C-alpha cells in the first residue's frame, strides 16, 4: 500500500484549505491516538484499511459546526469540507455510525431487499469516514477482493442504498476533491463555492448542479 501517495494527496488538500479556507482548516481535529484507532478496530472487528488508518493518524475528524449565540442567526458550517457537505468523523463517531450501518444491513437483509452480491448486503464490511447532515454516509469498502479500499457514498436517509463510487481509493478521492477545489470544476455533480456567513467568515460549500 503506497501511503506516501496518500500523504502527498492529503498534504496538498490541507495546504489548499489553509490558504483558501482557513476556517475549514481550523475545524480539523488533531490526529487520533494509537489507542483510539485500536479501540475503533476492536469495535468493528477487523483492521482498518491502511489509507483510512493513515487518515485518522493525520486528523481525527472535524469539529461540529458552530452554533451561533447572541444576535447572530444560523450555523457557521466550517468543517463540512467534502462533497454533499460531508464532515470527517472522529473514531468515536465512526464507531457509532458503523453500528447504524450494521443494523441497516441486518434489517434489510432480513426483509430480503437485496442479494448477497449487493454492496448494501455487506454494510458490516463498510467503515464510514465522513457524514453529512442528511442521513447519508461516505465509507471505505473493506470487502476482500477488487473493491477493497473503494470509497462510496450512500444516502441512507433518502433510501439510496445502491451506493455511488467516489473513488477507487481514498488517495484517488482526495486528489479528485482537491482538483475540484483548485480549478473550480465539479466533483461528480458537486461544485465547490464559497459560503459567506453573516459574521464575515467563509467556508467551502458544495452546490449540486445537474
N, C-alpha and C. Protein backbone atom coordinates (compact mmCIF):
# COMPACT_ATOMS: atom_id res chain seq x y z
N UNK A 1 0.84 -1.18 0.00
CA UNK A 1 0.00 0.00 0.00
C UNK A 1 0.89 1.24 0.00
N UNK A 2 0.71 2.11 -1.00
CA UNK A 2 1.55 3.29 -1.15
C UNK A 2 0.98 4.44 -0.31
N UNK A 3 1.35 4.47 0.96
CA UNK A 3 0.84 5.52 1.83
C UNK A 3 1.54 6.85 1.58
N UNK A 4 2.69 6.83 0.92
CA UNK A 4 3.35 8.08 0.54
C UNK A 4 2.45 8.87 -0.39
N UNK A 5 1.79 8.17 -1.32
CA UNK A 5 0.89 8.84 -2.25
C UNK A 5 -0.30 9.46 -1.51
N UNK A 6 -0.81 8.74 -0.52
CA UNK A 6 -1.91 9.30 0.27
C UNK A 6 -1.44 10.54 1.02
N UNK A 7 -0.28 10.46 1.66
CA UNK A 7 0.24 11.60 2.40
C UNK A 7 0.40 12.82 1.50
N UNK A 8 0.91 12.61 0.30
CA UNK A 8 1.09 13.72 -0.63
C UNK A 8 -0.26 14.33 -1.02
N UNK A 9 -1.25 13.48 -1.28
CA UNK A 9 -2.57 13.96 -1.66
C UNK A 9 -3.20 14.73 -0.51
N UNK A 10 -3.07 14.21 0.71
CA UNK A 10 -3.69 14.87 1.86
C UNK A 10 -3.00 16.19 2.17
N UNK A 11 -1.68 16.24 2.07
CA UNK A 11 -0.96 17.48 2.33
C UNK A 11 -1.35 18.56 1.31
N UNK A 12 -1.54 18.15 0.07
CA UNK A 12 -2.00 19.10 -0.95
C UNK A 12 -3.38 19.63 -0.60
N UNK A 13 -4.27 18.77 -0.15
CA UNK A 13 -5.63 19.14 0.24
C UNK A 13 -5.59 20.13 1.42
N UNK A 14 -4.84 19.78 2.46
CA UNK A 14 -4.78 20.65 3.62
C UNK A 14 -4.10 21.98 3.30
N UNK A 15 -3.12 21.96 2.41
CA UNK A 15 -2.46 23.21 2.02
C UNK A 15 -3.46 24.16 1.36
N UNK A 16 -4.35 23.59 0.53
CA UNK A 16 -5.37 24.43 -0.11
C UNK A 16 -6.30 25.01 0.97
N UNK A 17 -6.72 24.17 1.90
CA UNK A 17 -7.61 24.65 2.96
C UNK A 17 -6.95 25.77 3.78
N UNK A 18 -5.71 25.56 4.16
CA UNK A 18 -5.02 26.54 5.00
C UNK A 18 -4.91 27.89 4.29
N UNK A 19 -4.69 27.85 2.97
CA UNK A 19 -4.51 29.10 2.23
C UNK A 19 -5.81 29.75 1.81
N UNK A 20 -6.81 28.93 1.46
CA UNK A 20 -8.02 29.47 0.84
C UNK A 20 -9.27 29.38 1.71
N UNK A 21 -9.26 28.51 2.69
CA UNK A 21 -10.43 28.36 3.57
C UNK A 21 -9.97 28.06 4.99
N UNK A 22 -9.33 29.05 5.64
CA UNK A 22 -8.72 28.80 6.95
C UNK A 22 -9.70 28.35 8.03
N UNK A 23 -10.97 28.78 7.94
CA UNK A 23 -11.95 28.35 8.94
C UNK A 23 -12.18 26.85 8.84
N UNK A 24 -12.23 26.33 7.61
CA UNK A 24 -12.38 24.88 7.44
C UNK A 24 -11.14 24.15 7.93
N UNK A 25 -9.98 24.70 7.65
CA UNK A 25 -8.74 24.06 8.10
C UNK A 25 -8.68 24.02 9.62
N UNK A 26 -9.11 25.11 10.25
CA UNK A 26 -9.08 25.18 11.71
C UNK A 26 -10.06 24.20 12.35
N UNK A 27 -11.07 23.77 11.60
CA UNK A 27 -12.06 22.83 12.14
C UNK A 27 -11.54 21.41 12.22
N UNK A 28 -10.44 21.11 11.56
CA UNK A 28 -9.89 19.76 11.59
C UNK A 28 -9.30 19.47 12.96
N UNK A 29 -9.59 18.28 13.48
CA UNK A 29 -9.10 17.90 14.80
C UNK A 29 -7.66 17.39 14.71
N UNK A 30 -7.04 17.30 15.86
CA UNK A 30 -5.70 16.73 15.97
C UNK A 30 -5.74 15.24 15.60
N UNK A 31 -4.58 14.63 15.36
CA UNK A 31 -4.54 13.21 15.00
C UNK A 31 -5.16 12.32 16.07
N UNK A 32 -5.72 11.20 15.63
CA UNK A 32 -6.20 10.19 16.57
C UNK A 32 -5.00 9.49 17.19
N UNK A 33 -5.14 9.06 18.41
CA UNK A 33 -4.07 8.32 19.07
C UNK A 33 -4.11 6.86 18.64
N UNK A 34 -3.01 6.16 18.88
CA UNK A 34 -2.97 4.73 18.57
C UNK A 34 -4.04 3.98 19.36
N UNK A 35 -4.28 4.41 20.59
CA UNK A 35 -5.29 3.75 21.42
C UNK A 35 -6.69 3.97 20.85
N UNK A 36 -6.97 5.17 20.36
CA UNK A 36 -8.28 5.46 19.77
C UNK A 36 -8.52 4.63 18.51
N UNK A 37 -7.48 4.49 17.70
CA UNK A 37 -7.61 3.69 16.48
C UNK A 37 -7.78 2.21 16.82
N UNK A 38 -7.02 1.74 17.80
CA UNK A 38 -7.15 0.34 18.22
C UNK A 38 -8.54 0.07 18.78
N UNK A 39 -9.08 1.02 19.53
CA UNK A 39 -10.43 0.86 20.07
C UNK A 39 -11.46 0.77 18.95
N UNK A 40 -11.30 1.60 17.92
CA UNK A 40 -12.21 1.55 16.78
C UNK A 40 -12.12 0.20 16.07
N UNK A 41 -10.91 -0.29 15.86
CA UNK A 41 -10.75 -1.59 15.21
C UNK A 41 -11.36 -2.70 16.05
N UNK A 42 -11.28 -2.57 17.36
CA UNK A 42 -11.92 -3.57 18.22
C UNK A 42 -13.43 -3.56 18.08
N UNK A 43 -13.99 -2.37 17.86
CA UNK A 43 -15.45 -2.27 17.74
C UNK A 43 -15.95 -2.76 16.39
N UNK A 44 -15.20 -2.53 15.31
CA UNK A 44 -15.65 -3.02 14.00
C UNK A 44 -15.28 -4.48 13.81
N UNK A 45 -14.24 -4.94 14.51
CA UNK A 45 -13.89 -6.36 14.47
C UNK A 45 -12.89 -6.75 13.39
N UNK A 46 -12.24 -5.76 12.77
CA UNK A 46 -11.21 -6.07 11.78
C UNK A 46 -10.30 -4.86 11.63
N UNK A 47 -9.16 -5.07 10.99
CA UNK A 47 -8.19 -3.99 10.79
C UNK A 47 -8.71 -2.98 9.78
N UNK A 48 -8.46 -1.72 10.05
CA UNK A 48 -8.85 -0.68 9.11
C UNK A 48 -7.96 -0.72 7.87
N UNK A 49 -8.56 -0.34 6.74
CA UNK A 49 -7.76 -0.19 5.53
C UNK A 49 -6.61 0.78 5.83
N UNK A 50 -5.40 0.49 5.32
CA UNK A 50 -4.24 1.35 5.65
C UNK A 50 -4.45 2.82 5.35
N UNK A 51 -5.16 3.16 4.27
CA UNK A 51 -5.39 4.56 3.96
C UNK A 51 -6.33 5.22 4.97
N UNK A 52 -7.34 4.49 5.42
CA UNK A 52 -8.24 5.03 6.42
C UNK A 52 -7.51 5.21 7.74
N UNK A 53 -6.69 4.24 8.09
CA UNK A 53 -5.87 4.37 9.30
C UNK A 53 -4.99 5.61 9.21
N UNK A 54 -4.35 5.81 8.06
CA UNK A 54 -3.47 6.96 7.90
C UNK A 54 -4.26 8.27 7.98
N UNK A 55 -5.46 8.30 7.42
CA UNK A 55 -6.29 9.50 7.54
C UNK A 55 -6.53 9.84 9.01
N UNK A 56 -6.86 8.84 9.81
CA UNK A 56 -7.11 9.08 11.23
C UNK A 56 -5.83 9.44 11.97
N UNK A 57 -4.71 8.91 11.52
CA UNK A 57 -3.42 9.28 12.12
C UNK A 57 -3.06 10.73 11.84
N UNK A 58 -3.67 11.28 10.79
CA UNK A 58 -3.42 12.69 10.46
C UNK A 58 -4.48 13.61 11.07
N UNK A 59 -5.75 13.19 11.01
CA UNK A 59 -6.84 14.01 11.52
C UNK A 59 -7.94 13.11 12.09
N UNK A 60 -8.28 13.34 13.34
CA UNK A 60 -9.35 12.56 13.98
C UNK A 60 -10.68 13.28 13.78
N UNK A 61 -11.05 13.46 12.52
CA UNK A 61 -12.32 14.09 12.19
C UNK A 61 -12.26 15.60 12.22
N UNK A 62 -13.43 16.21 12.23
CA UNK A 62 -13.57 17.66 12.29
C UNK A 62 -14.59 18.02 13.36
N UNK A 63 -14.46 19.20 13.92
CA UNK A 63 -15.37 19.63 14.98
C UNK A 63 -16.76 19.82 14.41
N UNK A 64 -17.74 19.77 15.30
CA UNK A 64 -19.13 20.01 14.90
C UNK A 64 -19.29 21.45 14.41
N UNK A 65 -20.20 21.69 13.45
CA UNK A 65 -20.47 23.07 13.02
C UNK A 65 -20.83 23.95 14.21
N UNK A 66 -20.41 25.19 14.15
CA UNK A 66 -20.57 26.11 15.26
C UNK A 66 -21.97 26.71 15.32
N UNK A 67 -22.63 26.50 16.43
CA UNK A 67 -23.93 27.14 16.65
C UNK A 67 -23.70 28.55 17.17
N UNK A 68 -24.30 29.51 16.52
CA UNK A 68 -24.08 30.90 16.89
C UNK A 68 -24.88 31.30 18.12
N UNK A 69 -24.41 32.27 18.82
CA UNK A 69 -25.11 32.78 20.00
C UNK A 69 -25.31 34.28 19.86
N UNK A 70 -26.04 34.87 20.78
CA UNK A 70 -26.25 36.30 20.74
C UNK A 70 -27.22 36.69 19.65
N UNK A 71 -26.86 37.74 18.91
CA UNK A 71 -27.77 38.28 17.90
C UNK A 71 -27.66 37.58 16.56
N UNK A 72 -26.60 36.76 16.35
CA UNK A 72 -26.44 36.08 15.06
C UNK A 72 -27.42 34.93 14.94
N UNK A 73 -27.78 34.65 13.70
CA UNK A 73 -28.68 33.53 13.45
C UNK A 73 -28.01 32.54 12.51
N UNK A 74 -28.46 31.32 12.56
CA UNK A 74 -27.94 30.31 11.65
C UNK A 74 -26.69 29.65 12.19
N UNK A 75 -26.15 28.73 11.40
CA UNK A 75 -24.99 27.95 11.79
C UNK A 75 -23.83 28.29 10.86
N UNK A 76 -22.64 28.45 11.43
CA UNK A 76 -21.44 28.60 10.61
C UNK A 76 -20.88 27.19 10.38
N UNK A 77 -21.05 26.65 9.17
CA UNK A 77 -20.79 25.21 8.96
C UNK A 77 -19.36 24.87 8.59
N UNK A 78 -18.38 25.50 9.20
CA UNK A 78 -17.00 25.15 8.90
C UNK A 78 -16.74 23.69 9.23
N UNK A 79 -15.96 23.04 8.39
CA UNK A 79 -15.63 21.63 8.60
C UNK A 79 -16.37 20.69 7.69
N UNK A 80 -17.43 21.17 7.02
CA UNK A 80 -18.16 20.32 6.07
C UNK A 80 -17.46 20.43 4.71
N UNK A 81 -16.27 19.89 4.64
CA UNK A 81 -15.34 20.19 3.55
C UNK A 81 -15.47 19.28 2.34
N UNK A 82 -16.20 18.21 2.44
CA UNK A 82 -16.28 17.24 1.35
C UNK A 82 -17.62 17.37 0.62
N UNK A 83 -17.69 16.88 -0.61
CA UNK A 83 -18.95 16.98 -1.38
C UNK A 83 -20.16 16.51 -0.59
N UNK A 84 -21.30 17.13 -0.89
CA UNK A 84 -22.56 16.90 -0.18
C UNK A 84 -22.49 17.35 1.28
N UNK A 85 -21.52 18.20 1.60
CA UNK A 85 -21.40 18.71 2.96
C UNK A 85 -20.90 17.68 3.96
N UNK A 86 -20.21 16.66 3.50
CA UNK A 86 -19.70 15.65 4.43
C UNK A 86 -18.59 16.25 5.31
N UNK A 87 -18.63 15.85 6.58
CA UNK A 87 -17.64 16.25 7.57
C UNK A 87 -16.91 15.01 8.05
N UNK A 88 -15.59 15.07 8.13
CA UNK A 88 -14.82 13.93 8.59
C UNK A 88 -15.25 13.52 9.99
N UNK A 89 -15.38 12.22 10.21
CA UNK A 89 -15.79 11.71 11.50
C UNK A 89 -14.60 11.34 12.37
N UNK A 90 -14.78 11.47 13.67
CA UNK A 90 -13.78 11.02 14.63
C UNK A 90 -13.89 9.51 14.81
N UNK A 91 -12.94 8.92 15.50
CA UNK A 91 -13.01 7.48 15.75
C UNK A 91 -14.30 7.12 16.50
N UNK A 92 -14.70 7.96 17.44
CA UNK A 92 -15.93 7.69 18.19
C UNK A 92 -17.15 7.79 17.29
N UNK A 93 -17.20 8.80 16.43
CA UNK A 93 -18.33 8.98 15.52
C UNK A 93 -18.37 7.85 14.49
N UNK A 94 -17.21 7.43 14.02
CA UNK A 94 -17.15 6.33 13.07
C UNK A 94 -17.72 5.05 13.69
N UNK A 95 -17.34 4.79 14.93
CA UNK A 95 -17.84 3.59 15.63
C UNK A 95 -19.36 3.63 15.75
N UNK A 96 -19.91 4.79 16.08
CA UNK A 96 -21.36 4.92 16.23
C UNK A 96 -22.07 4.72 14.90
N UNK A 97 -21.54 5.35 13.84
CA UNK A 97 -22.17 5.22 12.53
C UNK A 97 -22.01 3.81 11.98
N UNK A 98 -20.91 3.15 12.30
CA UNK A 98 -20.73 1.77 11.86
C UNK A 98 -21.82 0.88 12.45
N UNK A 99 -22.17 1.08 13.71
CA UNK A 99 -23.25 0.30 14.32
C UNK A 99 -24.56 0.51 13.58
N UNK A 100 -24.82 1.75 13.16
CA UNK A 100 -26.05 2.03 12.41
C UNK A 100 -26.02 1.32 11.07
N UNK A 101 -24.88 1.35 10.38
CA UNK A 101 -24.77 0.66 9.09
C UNK A 101 -25.03 -0.84 9.25
N UNK A 102 -24.46 -1.43 10.28
CA UNK A 102 -24.66 -2.86 10.52
C UNK A 102 -26.14 -3.15 10.75
N UNK A 103 -26.80 -2.33 11.55
CA UNK A 103 -28.23 -2.53 11.83
C UNK A 103 -29.06 -2.40 10.55
N UNK A 104 -28.74 -1.37 9.72
CA UNK A 104 -29.45 -1.19 8.45
C UNK A 104 -29.27 -2.42 7.57
N UNK A 105 -28.03 -2.91 7.51
CA UNK A 105 -27.77 -4.09 6.70
C UNK A 105 -28.53 -5.32 7.17
N UNK A 106 -28.55 -5.54 8.48
CA UNK A 106 -29.24 -6.70 9.02
C UNK A 106 -30.74 -6.61 8.82
N UNK A 107 -31.31 -5.41 9.06
CA UNK A 107 -32.75 -5.24 8.92
C UNK A 107 -33.21 -5.48 7.49
N UNK A 108 -32.46 -4.94 6.55
CA UNK A 108 -32.87 -5.08 5.16
C UNK A 108 -32.54 -6.45 4.59
N UNK A 109 -31.53 -7.11 5.14
CA UNK A 109 -31.26 -8.48 4.73
C UNK A 109 -32.39 -9.40 5.18
N UNK A 110 -32.87 -9.17 6.41
CA UNK A 110 -33.99 -9.97 6.92
C UNK A 110 -35.23 -9.77 6.06
N UNK A 111 -35.37 -8.56 5.50
CA UNK A 111 -36.54 -8.26 4.67
C UNK A 111 -36.35 -8.73 3.23
N UNK A 112 -35.17 -9.25 2.93
CA UNK A 112 -34.91 -9.76 1.58
C UNK A 112 -34.89 -8.69 0.50
N UNK A 113 -34.36 -7.50 0.85
CA UNK A 113 -34.40 -6.38 -0.08
C UNK A 113 -33.23 -6.35 -1.06
N UNK A 114 -32.22 -7.21 -0.86
CA UNK A 114 -31.11 -7.25 -1.82
C UNK A 114 -30.45 -8.61 -1.81
N UNK A 115 -29.63 -8.83 -2.85
CA UNK A 115 -28.90 -10.09 -2.99
C UNK A 115 -27.59 -10.00 -2.23
N UNK A 116 -26.97 -11.16 -2.04
CA UNK A 116 -25.69 -11.21 -1.33
C UNK A 116 -24.59 -10.46 -2.08
N UNK A 117 -24.76 -10.30 -3.39
CA UNK A 117 -23.73 -9.62 -4.19
C UNK A 117 -23.81 -8.11 -4.06
N UNK A 118 -24.92 -7.58 -3.57
CA UNK A 118 -25.10 -6.13 -3.49
C UNK A 118 -24.20 -5.52 -2.43
N UNK A 119 -23.73 -4.30 -2.71
CA UNK A 119 -22.93 -3.57 -1.72
C UNK A 119 -23.69 -3.42 -0.42
N UNK A 120 -24.98 -3.09 -0.52
CA UNK A 120 -25.79 -2.87 0.67
C UNK A 120 -25.96 -4.14 1.50
N UNK A 121 -25.66 -5.28 0.93
CA UNK A 121 -25.73 -6.53 1.67
C UNK A 121 -24.48 -6.81 2.48
N UNK A 122 -23.49 -5.89 2.40
CA UNK A 122 -22.23 -6.10 3.11
C UNK A 122 -21.83 -4.86 3.91
N UNK A 123 -22.84 -4.18 4.47
CA UNK A 123 -22.54 -2.96 5.20
C UNK A 123 -21.71 -3.21 6.45
N UNK A 124 -21.69 -4.45 6.93
CA UNK A 124 -20.86 -4.77 8.09
C UNK A 124 -19.37 -4.75 7.73
N UNK A 125 -19.06 -4.66 6.44
CA UNK A 125 -17.67 -4.56 5.98
C UNK A 125 -17.38 -3.20 5.37
N UNK A 126 -18.21 -2.23 5.71
CA UNK A 126 -18.03 -0.86 5.21
C UNK A 126 -17.82 0.06 6.40
N UNK A 127 -16.73 0.80 6.39
CA UNK A 127 -16.39 1.66 7.53
C UNK A 127 -16.55 3.13 7.13
N UNK A 128 -17.49 3.85 7.75
CA UNK A 128 -17.71 5.25 7.41
C UNK A 128 -16.53 6.12 7.84
N UNK A 129 -16.30 7.19 7.10
CA UNK A 129 -15.26 8.14 7.50
C UNK A 129 -15.76 9.58 7.45
N UNK A 130 -16.94 9.83 6.85
CA UNK A 130 -17.46 11.19 6.77
C UNK A 130 -18.98 11.15 6.73
N UNK A 131 -19.59 12.16 7.35
CA UNK A 131 -21.05 12.22 7.48
C UNK A 131 -21.56 13.59 7.09
N UNK A 132 -22.68 13.66 6.33
CA UNK A 132 -23.34 14.93 6.07
C UNK A 132 -24.45 15.14 7.11
N UNK A 133 -25.36 16.05 6.82
CA UNK A 133 -26.46 16.32 7.75
C UNK A 133 -27.77 15.67 7.31
N UNK A 134 -27.74 14.87 6.25
CA UNK A 134 -29.00 14.37 5.68
C UNK A 134 -29.19 12.87 5.84
N UNK A 135 -28.41 12.24 6.69
CA UNK A 135 -28.58 10.81 6.88
C UNK A 135 -27.76 9.95 5.94
N UNK A 136 -26.91 10.56 5.13
CA UNK A 136 -26.05 9.78 4.25
C UNK A 136 -24.76 9.41 4.95
N UNK A 137 -23.86 8.80 4.19
CA UNK A 137 -22.57 8.40 4.76
C UNK A 137 -21.59 8.14 3.62
N UNK A 138 -20.33 8.51 3.84
CA UNK A 138 -19.25 8.14 2.93
C UNK A 138 -18.41 7.11 3.65
N UNK A 139 -18.08 6.01 2.98
CA UNK A 139 -17.37 4.93 3.66
C UNK A 139 -16.34 4.27 2.76
N UNK A 140 -15.46 3.52 3.41
CA UNK A 140 -14.43 2.74 2.72
C UNK A 140 -14.84 1.28 2.74
N UNK A 141 -14.88 0.69 1.56
CA UNK A 141 -15.25 -0.72 1.41
C UNK A 141 -14.12 -1.60 1.92
N UNK A 142 -14.42 -2.48 2.86
CA UNK A 142 -13.43 -3.40 3.40
C UNK A 142 -13.69 -4.84 2.97
N UNK A 143 -14.53 -5.04 1.96
CA UNK A 143 -14.73 -6.39 1.46
C UNK A 143 -13.45 -6.88 0.78
N UNK A 144 -13.03 -8.12 1.06
CA UNK A 144 -11.86 -8.65 0.37
C UNK A 144 -12.12 -8.72 -1.13
N UNK A 145 -11.10 -8.46 -1.92
CA UNK A 145 -11.27 -8.54 -3.37
C UNK A 145 -11.02 -7.22 -4.06
N UNK A 146 -11.46 -7.09 -5.30
CA UNK A 146 -11.12 -5.93 -6.12
C UNK A 146 -11.70 -4.60 -5.63
N UNK A 147 -12.73 -4.63 -4.79
CA UNK A 147 -13.31 -3.38 -4.31
C UNK A 147 -12.72 -2.93 -2.97
N UNK A 148 -11.78 -3.69 -2.44
CA UNK A 148 -11.18 -3.34 -1.16
C UNK A 148 -10.54 -1.95 -1.24
N UNK A 149 -10.96 -1.05 -0.37
CA UNK A 149 -10.43 0.30 -0.36
C UNK A 149 -11.21 1.31 -1.17
N UNK A 150 -12.23 0.85 -1.93
CA UNK A 150 -13.03 1.79 -2.70
C UNK A 150 -13.81 2.71 -1.77
N UNK A 151 -14.04 3.93 -2.24
CA UNK A 151 -14.80 4.92 -1.47
C UNK A 151 -16.18 5.08 -2.10
N UNK A 152 -17.22 4.91 -1.29
CA UNK A 152 -18.59 5.05 -1.75
C UNK A 152 -19.32 6.08 -0.89
N UNK A 153 -20.36 6.67 -1.50
CA UNK A 153 -21.31 7.48 -0.76
C UNK A 153 -22.66 6.82 -0.89
N UNK A 154 -23.39 6.77 0.24
CA UNK A 154 -24.69 6.10 0.24
C UNK A 154 -25.68 6.97 1.00
N UNK A 155 -26.83 7.25 0.38
CA UNK A 155 -27.84 8.10 1.01
C UNK A 155 -28.79 7.30 1.86
N UNK A 156 -28.36 6.94 3.04
CA UNK A 156 -29.20 6.13 3.93
C UNK A 156 -30.54 6.80 4.18
N UNK A 157 -30.51 8.11 4.48
CA UNK A 157 -31.74 8.82 4.80
C UNK A 157 -32.72 8.87 3.65
N UNK A 158 -32.21 8.96 2.42
CA UNK A 158 -33.07 9.06 1.24
C UNK A 158 -33.49 7.70 0.71
N UNK A 159 -32.93 6.64 1.26
CA UNK A 159 -33.25 5.30 0.77
C UNK A 159 -32.40 4.85 -0.39
N UNK A 160 -31.37 5.63 -0.75
CA UNK A 160 -30.46 5.25 -1.83
C UNK A 160 -29.42 4.30 -1.26
N UNK A 161 -29.68 3.01 -1.44
CA UNK A 161 -28.78 2.00 -0.88
C UNK A 161 -27.93 1.31 -1.93
N UNK A 162 -27.92 1.83 -3.15
CA UNK A 162 -27.05 1.25 -4.18
C UNK A 162 -25.62 1.71 -4.00
N UNK A 163 -25.45 2.92 -3.52
CA UNK A 163 -24.11 3.46 -3.33
C UNK A 163 -23.55 4.05 -4.61
N UNK A 164 -22.83 5.16 -4.48
CA UNK A 164 -22.18 5.81 -5.61
C UNK A 164 -20.68 5.78 -5.39
N UNK A 165 -19.95 5.28 -6.37
CA UNK A 165 -18.49 5.19 -6.26
C UNK A 165 -17.89 6.59 -6.33
N UNK A 166 -17.15 6.97 -5.31
CA UNK A 166 -16.48 8.27 -5.27
C UNK A 166 -14.99 8.15 -5.57
N UNK A 167 -14.45 6.96 -5.54
CA UNK A 167 -13.03 6.79 -5.85
C UNK A 167 -12.62 5.35 -5.63
N UNK A 168 -11.63 4.91 -6.37
CA UNK A 168 -11.13 3.55 -6.19
C UNK A 168 -10.25 3.43 -4.95
N UNK A 169 -9.94 4.58 -4.34
CA UNK A 169 -9.16 4.61 -3.11
C UNK A 169 -9.36 5.96 -2.45
N UNK A 170 -8.98 6.08 -1.19
CA UNK A 170 -9.03 7.38 -0.53
C UNK A 170 -8.06 8.35 -1.18
N UNK A 171 -6.93 7.85 -1.63
CA UNK A 171 -5.96 8.72 -2.31
C UNK A 171 -6.58 9.33 -3.56
N UNK A 172 -7.21 8.50 -4.38
CA UNK A 172 -7.85 8.99 -5.60
C UNK A 172 -8.96 9.98 -5.27
N UNK A 173 -9.73 9.69 -4.24
CA UNK A 173 -10.83 10.57 -3.85
C UNK A 173 -10.30 11.93 -3.40
N UNK A 174 -9.30 11.94 -2.54
CA UNK A 174 -8.75 13.21 -2.04
C UNK A 174 -8.14 14.01 -3.19
N UNK A 175 -7.46 13.34 -4.10
CA UNK A 175 -6.91 14.04 -5.27
C UNK A 175 -8.02 14.69 -6.10
N UNK A 176 -9.09 13.96 -6.33
CA UNK A 176 -10.18 14.47 -7.16
C UNK A 176 -10.86 15.67 -6.50
N UNK A 177 -11.07 15.60 -5.19
CA UNK A 177 -11.68 16.72 -4.47
C UNK A 177 -10.76 17.94 -4.53
N UNK A 178 -9.46 17.73 -4.35
CA UNK A 178 -8.52 18.85 -4.39
C UNK A 178 -8.45 19.45 -5.79
N UNK A 179 -8.50 18.60 -6.82
CA UNK A 179 -8.55 19.11 -8.19
C UNK A 179 -9.73 20.05 -8.38
N UNK A 180 -10.89 19.63 -7.85
CA UNK A 180 -12.10 20.45 -7.98
C UNK A 180 -11.93 21.78 -7.26
N UNK A 181 -11.36 21.75 -6.07
CA UNK A 181 -11.17 22.97 -5.31
C UNK A 181 -10.19 23.92 -6.00
N UNK A 182 -9.11 23.36 -6.51
CA UNK A 182 -8.07 24.19 -7.12
C UNK A 182 -8.52 24.82 -8.43
N UNK A 183 -9.36 24.11 -9.17
CA UNK A 183 -9.74 24.57 -10.51
C UNK A 183 -11.15 25.15 -10.58
N UNK A 184 -11.95 24.96 -9.51
CA UNK A 184 -13.33 25.42 -9.54
C UNK A 184 -14.22 24.59 -10.42
N UNK A 185 -13.79 23.38 -10.72
CA UNK A 185 -14.57 22.45 -11.55
C UNK A 185 -15.26 21.43 -10.65
N UNK A 186 -16.26 20.72 -11.17
CA UNK A 186 -17.04 19.84 -10.28
C UNK A 186 -16.36 18.53 -9.95
N UNK A 187 -16.73 18.01 -8.80
CA UNK A 187 -16.51 16.61 -8.46
C UNK A 187 -17.87 15.94 -8.60
N UNK A 188 -17.98 15.03 -9.56
CA UNK A 188 -19.29 14.46 -9.91
C UNK A 188 -20.23 15.61 -10.28
N UNK A 189 -21.34 15.75 -9.51
CA UNK A 189 -22.28 16.85 -9.75
C UNK A 189 -22.16 17.95 -8.70
N UNK A 190 -21.06 17.99 -7.99
CA UNK A 190 -20.93 18.90 -6.86
C UNK A 190 -19.85 19.94 -7.15
N UNK A 191 -20.26 21.20 -7.13
CA UNK A 191 -19.37 22.31 -7.47
C UNK A 191 -18.94 23.03 -6.20
N UNK A 192 -17.63 23.26 -6.04
CA UNK A 192 -17.17 23.97 -4.85
C UNK A 192 -17.37 25.47 -4.99
N UNK A 193 -18.03 26.06 -4.00
CA UNK A 193 -18.24 27.50 -3.97
C UNK A 193 -17.91 27.97 -2.56
N UNK A 194 -18.02 29.27 -2.33
CA UNK A 194 -17.72 29.84 -1.02
C UNK A 194 -19.01 30.25 -0.33
N UNK A 195 -19.19 29.75 0.88
CA UNK A 195 -20.31 30.16 1.71
C UNK A 195 -19.85 31.32 2.57
N UNK A 196 -20.56 32.45 2.48
CA UNK A 196 -20.20 33.64 3.26
C UNK A 196 -21.21 33.83 4.38
N UNK A 197 -20.72 33.77 5.61
CA UNK A 197 -21.56 33.86 6.79
C UNK A 197 -21.76 35.32 7.19
N UNK A 198 -22.83 35.59 7.93
CA UNK A 198 -23.11 36.96 8.36
C UNK A 198 -22.02 37.51 9.28
N UNK A 199 -21.23 36.63 9.86
CA UNK A 199 -20.13 37.06 10.74
C UNK A 199 -18.95 37.61 9.96
N UNK A 200 -18.98 37.41 8.62
CA UNK A 200 -17.86 37.84 7.79
C UNK A 200 -16.90 36.70 7.47
N UNK A 201 -17.09 35.56 8.12
CA UNK A 201 -16.23 34.41 7.83
C UNK A 201 -16.79 33.63 6.64
N UNK A 202 -15.97 32.77 6.09
CA UNK A 202 -16.40 31.98 4.94
C UNK A 202 -15.85 30.57 5.04
N UNK A 203 -16.47 29.66 4.30
CA UNK A 203 -16.03 28.27 4.26
C UNK A 203 -16.50 27.65 2.95
N UNK A 204 -16.10 26.42 2.71
CA UNK A 204 -16.47 25.71 1.50
C UNK A 204 -17.93 25.28 1.56
N UNK A 205 -18.58 25.39 0.43
CA UNK A 205 -19.92 24.82 0.26
C UNK A 205 -19.94 24.13 -1.10
N UNK A 206 -20.66 23.01 -1.18
CA UNK A 206 -20.73 22.26 -2.43
C UNK A 206 -22.15 22.37 -3.00
N UNK A 207 -22.29 22.98 -4.18
CA UNK A 207 -23.58 23.10 -4.83
C UNK A 207 -23.83 21.90 -5.74
N UNK A 208 -25.08 21.44 -5.75
CA UNK A 208 -25.47 20.34 -6.63
C UNK A 208 -25.99 20.95 -7.93
N UNK A 209 -25.35 20.59 -9.02
CA UNK A 209 -25.78 21.07 -10.33
C UNK A 209 -25.88 19.87 -11.26
N UNK A 210 -26.95 19.81 -12.04
CA UNK A 210 -27.13 18.69 -12.97
C UNK A 210 -26.41 18.97 -14.27
